Amino acid sequence: MDEKLKKIFSEILEVSISQITENASPETIESWDSLKQMGLIVAIEEEFGIQFEDEAVFSLNDYAMIHSALEKMLSN
């Protein structure tokens, strides 16, 4: 799961995988804006066959939060 998630981040944000760390966020990755944020969510939902709650999408604003939410969804 980690490798797939980092690959999605790398492709959507147009950065190298090495830049995708637990601390990755709009503050640490210049290309991460609101449009890319929605692209990330859509790509993750498609790749993993899940759907985040609409309210939750707004709180998923860094790699660690998205990773944690995805883990919870996949374990259910």
Protein backbone atom coordinates (compact mmCIF):
# COMPACT_ATOMS: atom_id res chain seq x y z
CA MET A 1 0.00 0.00 0.00
CA ASP A 2 2.77 2.47 0.91
CA GLU A 3 4.51 2.17 -2.46
CA LYS A 4 1.25 2.59 -4.40
CA LEU A 5 0.27 5.61 -2.31
CA LYS A 6 3.66 7.30 -2.73
CA LYS A 7 3.55 6.63 -6.47
CA ILE A 8 0.13 8.33 -6.70
CA PHE A 9 1.41 11.33 -4.75
CA SER A 10 4.50 11.53 -6.93
CA GLU A 11 2.52 11.40 -10.18
CA ILE A 12 -0.23 13.84 -9.16
CA LEU A 13 2.09 16.34 -7.48
CA GLU A 14 4.75 15.94 -10.18
CA VAL A 15 7.61 15.39 -7.72
CA SER A 16 10.04 12.53 -7.12
CA ILE A 17 8.97 9.74 -4.80
CA SER A 18 11.84 10.71 -2.48
CA GLN A 19 9.96 13.95 -1.70
CA ILE A 20 6.95 12.00 -0.42
CA THR A 21 7.60 11.55 3.29
CA GLU A 22 5.36 11.35 6.35
CA ASN A 23 5.71 15.13 6.61
CA ALA A 24 4.67 15.82 3.01
CA SER A 25 2.02 18.55 2.90
CA PRO A 26 1.10 21.66 0.91
CA GLU A 27 3.65 23.50 3.06
CA THR A 28 6.50 21.19 2.05
CA ILE A 29 5.57 20.52 -1.61
CA GLU A 30 5.17 23.64 -3.71
CA SER A 31 2.98 22.04 -6.39
CA TRP A 32 0.41 20.80 -3.84
CA ASP A 33 -2.58 23.11 -4.22
CA SER A 34 -6.34 22.60 -3.82
CA LEU A 35 -6.75 21.26 -7.35
CA LYS A 36 -3.94 18.73 -6.87
CA GLN A 37 -5.50 17.82 -3.50
CA MET A 38 -8.73 16.79 -5.22
CA GLY A 39 -6.72 14.92 -7.86
CA LEU A 40 -4.95 13.00 -5.09
CA ILE A 41 -8.21 12.01 -3.43
CA VAL A 42 -9.81 10.88 -6.71
CA ALA A 43 -6.72 8.89 -7.76
CA ILE A 44 -6.47 7.20 -4.34
CA GLU A 45 -10.17 6.32 -4.37
CA GLU A 46 -9.86 4.81 -7.86
CA GLU A 47 -6.64 2.91 -7.15
CA PHE A 48 -7.83 1.36 -3.89
CA GLY A 49 -11.55 1.01 -4.72
CA ILE A 50 -12.69 3.14 -1.78
CA GLN A 51 -14.56 6.38 -1.25
CA PHE A 52 -13.70 8.92 1.42
CA GLU A 53 -16.56 10.67 3.22
CA ASP A 54 -17.11 14.14 1.75
CA GLU A 55 -16.53 15.81 5.14
CA ALA A 56 -13.30 13.86 5.69
CA VAL A 57 -11.77 15.02 2.40
CA PHE A 58 -11.24 18.51 3.78
CA SER A 59 -9.26 17.23 6.76
CA LEU A 60 -7.01 15.00 4.64
CA ASN A 61 -4.39 17.65 4.05
CA ASP A 62 -1.06 15.87 4.45
CA TYR A 63 0.48 12.51 3.64
CA ALA A 64 0.27 11.14 7.18
CA MET A 65 -3.46 11.91 7.49
CA ILE A 66 -4.26 10.42 4.09
CA HIS A 67 -2.15 7.33 4.83
CA SER A 68 -3.88 6.82 8.18
CA ALA A 69 -7.39 7.27 6.72
CA LEU A 70 -6.60 4.86 3.90
CA GLU A 71 -5.27 2.24 6.31
CA LYS A 72 -8.46 2.45 8.38
CA MET A 73 -10.66 2.11 5.30
CA LEU A 74 -8.72 -0.86 3.95
CA SER A 75 -8.80 -2.68 7.30
CA ASN A 76 -12.61 -2.52 7.52
